[in-house]
Protein backbone atom coordinates (compact mmCIF):
# COMPACT_ATOMS: atom_id res chain seq x y z
CA UNK A 1 100.78 103.51 119.54
CA UNK A 2 100.03 100.24 120.32
CA UNK A 3 96.03 100.06 120.06
CA UNK A 4 97.36 102.04 116.33
CA UNK A 5 99.96 99.52 115.98
CA UNK A 6 97.19 96.76 115.80
CA UNK A 7 94.54 98.15 113.97
CA UNK A 8 97.30 98.15 111.22
CA UNK A 9 98.15 94.75 112.86
CA UNK A 10 95.03 93.07 112.05
CA UNK A 11 94.26 94.92 108.94
CA UNK A 12 97.01 93.23 106.76
CA UNK A 13 95.84 89.68 108.59
CA UNK A 14 92.50 90.82 107.13
CA UNK A 15 93.81 91.57 103.64
CA UNK A 16 96.47 89.05 104.01
CA UNK A 17 93.41 85.84 104.84
CA UNK A 18 90.86 87.71 102.75
CA UNK A 19 93.23 87.82 99.37
CA UNK A 20 94.40 83.89 99.94
CA UNK A 21 90.78 82.66 101.09
CA UNK A 22 89.26 84.52 98.29
CA UNK A 23 92.13 82.87 96.04
CA UNK A 24 92.06 78.94 97.46
CA UNK A 25 90.06 78.67 100.17
CA UNK A 26 87.78 75.53 100.03
CA UNK A 27 85.67 76.40 102.61
CA UNK A 28 85.25 79.91 104.29
CA UNK A 29 84.03 80.59 107.78
CA UNK A 30 82.97 82.65 110.71
CA UNK A 31 85.13 81.70 113.71
CA UNK A 32 83.22 81.69 117.70
CA UNK A 33 84.87 81.28 121.11
CA UNK A 34 85.55 82.28 124.64
CA UNK A 35 88.25 83.25 123.08
CA UNK A 36 87.09 85.52 120.89
CA UNK A 37 84.95 86.16 116.90
CA UNK A 38 86.55 86.74 113.74
CA UNK A 39 87.15 83.73 110.34
CA UNK A 40 88.32 81.26 108.88
CA UNK A 41 90.01 79.73 106.37
CA UNK A 42 90.12 75.96 104.96
CA UNK A 43 92.51 74.47 101.96
CA UNK A 44 92.33 70.50 101.39
CA UNK A 45 95.72 70.11 99.71
CA UNK A 46 94.30 65.76 100.47
CA UNK A 47 92.40 63.52 101.53
CA UNK A 48 93.53 63.13 105.36
CA UNK A 49 95.34 66.54 105.39
CA UNK A 50 94.71 70.12 105.29
CA UNK A 51 95.29 73.62 105.72
CA UNK A 52 92.79 76.27 108.61
CA UNK A 53 93.67 79.72 109.32
CA UNK A 54 91.96 81.96 111.72
CA UNK A 55 92.05 85.03 111.91
CA UNK A 56 89.72 87.32 115.52
CA UNK A 57 89.78 89.15 117.95
CA UNK A 58 91.04 88.13 121.17
CA UNK A 59 88.16 89.74 123.94
CA UNK A 60 89.95 88.85 127.46
CA UNK A 61 90.03 91.20 129.57
CA UNK A 62 87.85 93.59 127.68
CA UNK A 63 84.00 91.64 128.15
CA UNK A 64 84.72 92.68 132.50
CA UNK A 65 86.45 96.28 131.86
CA UNK A 66 90.27 95.13 132.77
CA UNK A 67 90.94 95.70 129.08
CA UNK A 68 90.79 98.96 127.12
CA UNK A 69 90.65 97.08 123.50
CA UNK A 70 91.21 94.04 122.38
CA UNK A 71 94.09 91.83 120.86
CA UNK A 72 94.57 89.94 117.72
CA UNK A 73 95.18 86.74 116.94
CA UNK A 74 96.66 84.93 113.95
CA UNK A 75 96.95 81.01 113.91
CA UNK A 76 97.66 78.63 111.15
CA UNK A 77 98.54 75.40 111.23
CA UNK A 78 98.28 71.73 109.33
CA UNK A 79 95.71 69.41 110.07
CA UNK A 80 95.91 65.14 110.05
CA UNK A 81 92.19 63.89 109.19
CA UNK A 82 93.27 60.60 111.36
CA UNK A 83 88.85 59.70 111.58
CA UNK A 84 86.15 60.26 109.30
CA UNK A 85 82.78 58.87 110.39
CA UNK A 86 79.72 58.85 108.04
CA UNK A 87 76.64 58.61 110.04
CA UNK A 88 72.63 58.40 108.73
CA UNK A 89 72.61 61.92 106.67
CA UNK A 90 76.13 63.82 108.30
CA UNK A 91 79.44 62.36 108.71
CA UNK A 92 81.96 63.59 111.20
CA UNK A 93 85.96 63.87 110.22
CA UNK A 94 88.25 64.43 113.23
CA UNK A 95 91.55 65.87 112.99
CA UNK A 96 94.45 66.88 115.28
CA UNK A 97 97.44 68.94 114.19
CA UNK A 98 99.93 71.79 115.18
CA UNK A 99 99.95 75.06 113.78
CA UNK A 100 102.10 78.30 115.07
CA UNK A 101 100.08 81.49 116.25
CA UNK A 102 101.64 85.31 116.42
CA UNK A 103 98.96 88.26 117.93
CA UNK A 104 98.96 90.75 119.59
CA UNK A 105 96.99 90.37 122.99
CA UNK A 106 96.69 90.64 126.94
CA UNK A 107 97.88 87.93 128.79
CA UNK A 108 96.72 86.97 132.15
CA UNK A 109 99.21 88.04 134.14
CA UNK A 110 102.66 89.44 133.67
CA UNK A 111 104.00 85.80 135.13
CA UNK A 112 104.68 86.77 138.81
CA UNK A 113 101.66 84.14 139.67
CA UNK A 114 98.16 84.77 140.37
CA UNK A 115 98.29 88.44 141.61
CA UNK A 116 95.49 91.30 141.75
CA UNK A 117 98.31 94.10 140.35
CA UNK A 118 98.83 91.92 136.56
CA UNK A 119 94.61 91.32 136.92
CA UNK A 120 94.13 94.68 136.35
CA UNK A 121 96.82 95.91 134.45
CA UNK A 122 96.37 96.82 130.86
CA UNK A 123 99.75 94.43 130.11
CA UNK A 124 99.39 94.43 125.73
CA UNK A 125 102.12 92.70 124.34
CA UNK A 126 103.35 90.46 121.06
CA UNK A 127 102.82 86.92 121.44
CA UNK A 128 104.32 83.84 119.56
CA UNK A 129 103.49 79.83 119.94
CA UNK A 130 102.84 77.18 118.94
CA UNK A 131 100.15 75.40 118.72
CA UNK A 132 98.02 72.11 118.56
CA UNK A 133 94.80 71.49 117.49
CA UNK A 134 92.39 68.36 118.19
CA UNK A 135 88.66 69.03 116.66
CA UNK A 136 85.54 67.26 115.30
CA UNK A 137 84.09 69.07 111.49
CA UNK A 138 80.28 67.40 111.55
CA UNK A 139 79.33 67.51 107.46
CA UNK A 140 75.80 67.40 106.88
CA UNK A 141 75.65 67.21 103.54
CA UNK A 142 75.17 70.44 101.91
CA UNK A 143 77.38 74.55 101.90
CA UNK A 144 77.33 74.40 105.64
CA UNK A 145 79.41 72.52 107.95
CA UNK A 146 80.35 72.73 112.06
CA UNK A 147 83.10 72.52 113.29
CA UNK A 148 83.80 72.83 117.67
CA UNK A 149 87.47 71.89 117.87
CA UNK A 150 90.56 72.95 120.90
CA UNK A 151 93.81 74.50 121.03
CA UNK A 152 96.58 74.39 122.96
CA UNK A 153 99.55 77.47 122.23
CA UNK A 154 103.01 77.34 123.98
CA UNK A 155 104.83 80.44 123.21
CA UNK A 156 106.24 83.75 124.90
CA UNK A 157 104.73 87.55 125.96
CA UNK A 158 106.07 90.30 124.70
CA UNK A 159 105.92 93.28 126.24
CA UNK A 160 106.62 97.35 127.10
CA UNK A 161 107.85 97.26 130.88
CA UNK A 162 105.05 99.21 133.08
CA UNK A 163 107.73 99.71 136.03
CA UNK A 164 109.36 101.90 133.24
CA UNK A 165 108.73 105.27 131.83
CA UNK A 166 112.20 106.34 131.06
CA UNK A 167 112.81 103.57 128.38
CA UNK A 168 111.28 100.87 125.81
CA UNK A 169 111.98 97.66 128.14
CA UNK A 170 111.02 94.83 127.07
CA UNK A 171 109.31 92.15 129.42
CA UNK A 172 109.13 88.86 128.00
CA UNK A 173 106.83 85.97 129.72
CA UNK A 174 105.44 82.80 129.51
CA UNK A 175 102.29 82.87 127.15
CA UNK A 176 99.62 81.57 129.71
CA UNK A 177 96.64 82.67 128.27
CA UNK A 178 97.30 79.60 125.82
CA UNK A 179 97.37 76.97 127.90
CA UNK A 180 94.99 78.44 130.82
CA UNK A 181 92.28 78.84 128.01
CA UNK A 182 92.96 75.51 125.37
CA UNK A 183 89.97 73.78 127.37
CA UNK A 184 87.44 76.52 125.45
CA UNK A 185 85.74 75.26 122.91
CA UNK A 186 86.15 76.74 119.66
CA UNK A 187 83.42 76.70 117.03
CA UNK A 188 82.96 77.52 113.69
CA UNK A 189 80.31 77.56 111.38
CA UNK A 190 81.71 76.83 107.53
CA UNK A 191 80.31 77.56 104.50
CA UNK A 192 81.58 75.50 101.00
CA UNK A 193 83.24 76.89 98.64
CA UNK A 194 84.69 74.19 96.19
């Protein structure tokens, strides 16, 4: 059931992100990180701020075969530009800002510490989190720009209790991967449309 629901949500998010990207995005790109891979869109609403959306496949546990299938995440954030440094032939733009994240992902553990039972279980569930993002955009003057950023997410992870087979009990814990994966770099290749 969770697999079907996650597929329906991922298609819905992709369609919404795609529709928004076609109508108002000024930059659309490819999101790459040890966290996962996906799509990104940006809209500059002023000279010193922009809105960004990232939809990606969360690959935690899939590569190491601890998880059967990947998770899906959507992050919407508002970034504020605090420095623009022009150089010979390129420029760097530094930014930071808050956002929100929602998705259906596997978390590091169930909130009981570092135990082997939680590391080997397939404990996917819903997350809701606030995020903080900081990064640098490298613009080389053409149609392509590179963006390097780091994001931390603080929130809750909701999933079915694995020990309860008779009824659908829900367990809640802190979303640990949101904090633990904050050190993972996020590289986005952006293609400019406007």
